[in-house]
Protein backbone atom coordinates (compact mmCIF):
# COMPACT_ATOMS: atom_id res chain seq x y z
CA MET A 1 57.28 85.86 121.67
CA LYS A 2 55.33 87.76 119.17
CA ILE A 3 51.51 89.11 119.75
CA LEU A 4 48.81 90.67 117.56
CA ILE A 5 46.54 93.11 119.13
CA VAL A 6 43.20 93.40 117.43
CA GLU A 7 41.51 96.51 118.46
CA ASP A 8 40.21 99.45 116.90
CA GLU A 9 40.16 102.07 119.60
CA LYS A 10 43.79 103.10 119.42
CA ASP A 11 44.06 104.89 122.28
CA ILE A 12 43.76 101.32 123.92
CA ALA A 13 45.65 99.24 121.13
CA ASP A 14 48.86 102.01 121.00
CA PRO A 15 49.63 102.25 124.80
CA LEU A 16 49.30 98.41 125.14
CA LYS A 17 51.46 97.79 121.91
CA ARG A 18 53.94 100.27 123.72
CA SER A 19 53.42 98.26 127.47
CA LEU A 20 53.78 94.72 125.82
CA GLY A 21 57.19 95.82 123.65
CA LYS A 22 58.82 96.75 126.73
CA GLN A 23 58.20 93.27 128.39
CA SER A 24 60.29 91.87 125.35
CA PHE A 25 56.91 90.92 123.48
CA ALA A 26 57.29 91.65 119.43
CA VAL A 27 53.88 93.27 118.57
CA ASP A 28 51.69 94.15 115.42
CA VAL A 29 48.50 95.83 115.64
CA ALA A 30 45.59 95.63 113.62
CA TYR A 31 42.41 98.24 113.89
CA ASP A 32 39.71 95.95 112.44
CA GLY A 33 38.94 92.27 111.74
CA LYS A 34 39.65 92.18 107.96
CA ALA A 35 43.17 93.59 108.64
CA ALA A 36 43.72 90.92 111.61
CA LEU A 37 43.01 88.01 109.08
CA GLU A 38 45.48 89.54 106.53
CA PHE A 39 48.10 89.86 109.42
CA ILE A 40 47.30 86.07 110.62
CA ARG A 41 47.42 84.76 107.35
CA LYS A 42 50.71 86.31 106.60
CA ASN A 43 52.69 86.11 109.86
CA GLY A 44 53.28 83.81 112.61
CA TYR A 45 51.90 84.85 115.90
CA ASP A 46 52.35 83.18 119.59
CA CYS A 47 49.16 85.18 120.88
CA ILE A 48 46.31 86.87 119.23
CA LEU A 49 44.58 89.47 121.78
CA LEU A 50 41.08 89.79 120.05
CA ASP A 51 38.73 92.51 120.82
CA LEU A 52 34.83 91.44 120.02
CA ASN A 53 33.50 94.59 118.65
CA LEU A 54 35.58 95.25 115.44
CA PRO A 55 34.81 97.21 112.32
CA GLU A 56 34.86 95.20 109.13
CA VAL A 57 34.54 91.41 110.58
CA ASP A 58 33.77 91.22 114.65
CA GLY A 59 36.03 88.93 116.92
CA ILE A 60 33.72 86.17 117.18
CA LYS A 61 33.99 85.82 113.19
CA VAL A 62 37.74 86.48 113.39
CA SER A 63 38.21 83.60 115.73
CA GLN A 64 35.93 81.31 114.14
CA ILE A 65 37.91 81.98 110.47
CA ILE A 66 41.39 81.23 112.08
CA ARG A 67 40.16 78.13 113.55
CA GLN A 68 38.26 77.01 110.36
CA GLU A 69 41.89 77.65 108.54
CA LYS A 70 43.28 74.93 111.44
CA ASN A 71 45.39 77.88 112.85
CA THR A 72 45.97 77.08 116.54
CA THR A 73 47.19 80.25 117.92
CA PRO A 74 46.37 81.04 121.40
CA VAL A 75 43.51 83.91 121.24
CA ILE A 76 42.74 85.82 124.58
CA MET A 77 39.52 87.75 123.90
CA LEU A 78 39.58 91.52 125.15
CA THR A 79 36.18 93.24 125.67
CA ALA A 80 33.94 95.46 127.53
CA ARG A 81 31.48 92.81 128.00
CA SER A 82 31.19 90.36 131.04
CA GLN A 83 27.95 88.48 130.83
CA ILE A 84 28.62 84.91 130.52
CA TYR A 85 26.56 84.73 127.27
CA ASP A 86 28.99 86.83 125.65
CA LYS A 87 32.32 84.68 127.41
CA LEU A 88 30.44 81.46 125.98
CA LYS A 89 30.07 82.72 122.69
CA GLY A 90 34.09 83.80 122.89
CA PHE A 91 34.85 80.19 123.89
CA ASP A 92 32.94 78.55 121.42
CA ALA A 93 34.53 80.67 118.57
CA GLY A 94 37.84 79.04 120.02
CA ALA A 95 39.46 81.52 122.28
CA ASP A 96 41.55 80.34 125.11
CA ASP A 97 41.12 83.14 127.49
CA TYR A 98 39.00 85.81 128.30
CA VAL A 99 39.72 89.24 129.62
CA THR A 100 37.19 91.98 130.53
CA LYS A 101 38.23 95.66 129.76
CA PRO A 102 39.29 97.69 131.77
CA PHE A 103 42.15 95.08 132.75
CA ASP A 104 45.22 95.15 134.78
CA LEU A 105 48.14 94.84 132.90
CA SER A 106 50.08 92.31 134.87
CA GLU A 107 47.50 89.91 134.91
CA LEU A 108 46.97 90.29 130.91
CA ILE A 109 50.88 89.49 130.91
CA ALA A 110 50.62 86.51 133.15
CA ARG A 111 47.23 85.33 131.03
CA ILE A 112 49.76 85.65 127.78
CA ASN A 113 52.45 83.50 128.80
CA THR A 114 49.94 81.05 130.37
CA VAL A 115 48.42 80.36 127.12
CA ILE A 116 51.90 80.51 125.45
CA LYS A 117 53.24 77.87 127.42
CA ARG A 118 50.29 75.84 127.08
CA ASN A 119 50.70 76.03 123.23
CA SER A 120 54.47 75.31 123.36
CA LEU A 121 56.48 72.11 123.09
CA ASN A 122 58.13 73.05 126.54
CA LYS A 123 55.67 74.82 129.00
CA LEU A 124 57.99 75.41 131.77
CA ASN A 125 58.40 78.94 133.45
CA SER A 126 62.22 78.57 133.35
CA LEU A 127 64.11 76.52 130.48
CA LYS A 128 67.01 74.51 131.07
CA PHE A 129 69.66 73.30 128.78
CA ASP A 130 73.33 72.48 128.96
CA LYS A 131 74.61 74.13 132.10
CA PHE A 132 72.49 77.14 131.77
CA GLU A 133 68.60 77.78 132.60
CA LEU A 134 66.72 80.41 131.20
CA PHE A 135 64.44 82.88 133.12
CA PRO A 136 62.64 84.80 129.92
CA ASP A 137 60.38 87.30 132.51
CA LYS A 138 64.06 88.49 133.44
CA ASN A 139 66.01 88.41 130.50
CA MET A 140 68.47 86.52 132.48
CA ILE A 141 70.62 82.96 132.12
CA VAL A 142 72.17 81.62 135.24
CA ARG A 143 75.14 79.37 134.90
CA SER A 144 75.86 76.25 137.40
CA ILE A 145 79.54 76.20 137.85
CA LYS A 146 80.76 72.94 139.58
CA GLY A 147 81.84 73.41 142.80
CA LYS A 148 81.15 77.08 142.54
CA SER A 149 78.00 79.60 143.09
CA SER A 150 76.17 80.09 139.91
CA GLU A 151 76.91 82.98 137.61
CA GLU A 152 74.19 85.47 136.30
CA ILE A 153 74.37 86.51 132.48
CA GLU A 154 71.97 89.11 131.27
CA LEU A 155 70.54 89.05 128.06
CA SER A 156 69.15 91.77 125.89
CA ASN A 157 64.97 91.69 125.20
CA LYS A 158 65.69 90.12 121.57
CA GLU A 159 68.48 87.86 122.62
CA THR A 160 65.84 86.30 125.20
CA GLY A 161 63.25 86.16 122.40
CA VAL A 162 65.59 84.06 120.05
CA LEU A 163 66.42 81.96 122.80
CA GLU A 164 63.39 81.05 124.41
CA TYR A 165 61.84 80.76 120.99
CA LEU A 166 64.62 78.12 120.25
CA LEU A 167 64.26 76.44 123.53
CA ARG A 168 60.41 76.09 123.65
CA ASN A 169 60.69 74.12 119.97
CA LYS A 170 63.76 71.95 121.15
CA GLY A 171 64.80 69.40 118.74
CA LYS A 172 63.10 71.45 115.64
CA ILE A 173 64.82 73.19 112.91
CA ILE A 174 63.62 76.83 113.09
CA SER A 175 64.23 78.97 110.25
CA THR A 176 65.54 82.55 110.07
CA GLU A 177 62.06 83.67 108.74
CA GLU A 178 60.48 81.91 111.47
CA LEU A 179 62.47 83.40 113.99
CA LEU A 180 62.32 86.93 112.55
CA GLU A 181 58.62 86.38 112.72
CA HIS A 182 57.89 85.67 115.87
CA VAL A 183 60.70 87.69 117.62
CA TRP A 184 60.49 90.95 115.95
CA ASP A 185 57.43 92.82 114.52
CA SER A 186 56.08 92.47 111.22
CA GLU A 187 58.09 95.68 109.70
CA ILE A 188 61.27 93.96 110.26
CA ASP A 189 63.43 93.14 106.85
CA LEU A 190 63.43 89.73 106.07
CA PHE A 191 66.64 90.19 104.57
CA THR A 192 68.57 92.03 107.38
CA ASP A 193 71.63 90.40 109.21
CA THR A 194 69.85 91.10 112.78
CA LEU A 195 69.10 87.84 113.55
CA LYS A 196 72.63 86.52 112.67
CA THR A 197 74.26 89.40 114.74
CA HIS A 198 71.68 88.35 117.90
CA ILE A 199 72.72 84.63 117.26
CA LYS A 200 76.43 85.67 116.99
CA THR A 201 76.17 87.68 120.49
CA LEU A 202 74.45 84.71 122.06
CA ARG A 203 77.11 82.50 121.22
CA LYS A 204 79.87 85.03 122.83
CA LYS A 205 77.90 84.96 125.93
CA ILE A 206 76.75 81.01 126.50
CA ASP A 207 77.92 79.16 123.44
CA PRO A 208 81.59 79.89 122.16
CA ASP A 209 82.33 76.65 120.93
CA LYS A 210 79.22 76.46 119.20
CA LYS A 211 77.93 73.26 120.60
CA ILE A 212 74.15 74.76 122.10
CA ILE A 213 72.79 76.68 119.15
CA THR A 214 73.51 74.53 116.02
CA THR A 215 73.50 76.28 112.24
CA ILE A 216 71.45 74.04 110.17
CA ARG A 217 73.07 75.18 106.85
CA GLY A 218 70.31 76.50 104.50
CA LYS A 219 67.50 76.06 106.85
CA GLY A 220 68.03 77.59 109.96
CA TYR A 221 69.32 76.87 113.50
CA CYS A 222 68.21 74.15 116.11
CA ILE A 223 68.96 73.42 119.93
CA ASN A 224 69.03 69.83 120.64
């Protein structure tokens, strides 16, 4: 899943980016509201962490603009303000949730996962497919074997990200560009073969006959 942090204080934004990166998220950072709008218009995100007090364009205005542009990406407001009035302004501007700084990282991650699931086609914590069940928070798949105990299959962060995104959009054809945008950060080369490599390793682990992850030639990938 791909996150955009919009925070002008680098001593908050940069450690937060590193922490979320360790939790399998792909993370971009914008240090002002104008840059945030450029990121949002260029890339696809699964959640936006948006500070209220920003240079150039403040957080309330950023949220209002992206909602006016029909962008439904979940927004979590991050701010030092705790008054009810400021929270209501954030919700009126289109925010989905509100976290007051300083915040607990585990709580923030839980809120991120909640708004992403709320906005996805598949809202479950674990994702079942074929004889498998994916647990994104553990980077693990459990395979049910008839008449035997289940088998645990470990995945890398990126393998988990690719599979989770395909499963949360089950039945849809997802282009290479969309997968790269949602699983890697904005610095990824869109012409790289890294996605093909990760699809190949996923298939070795769970889909050697290529019956689960379908390649749609010229369009992308799909799980039905």
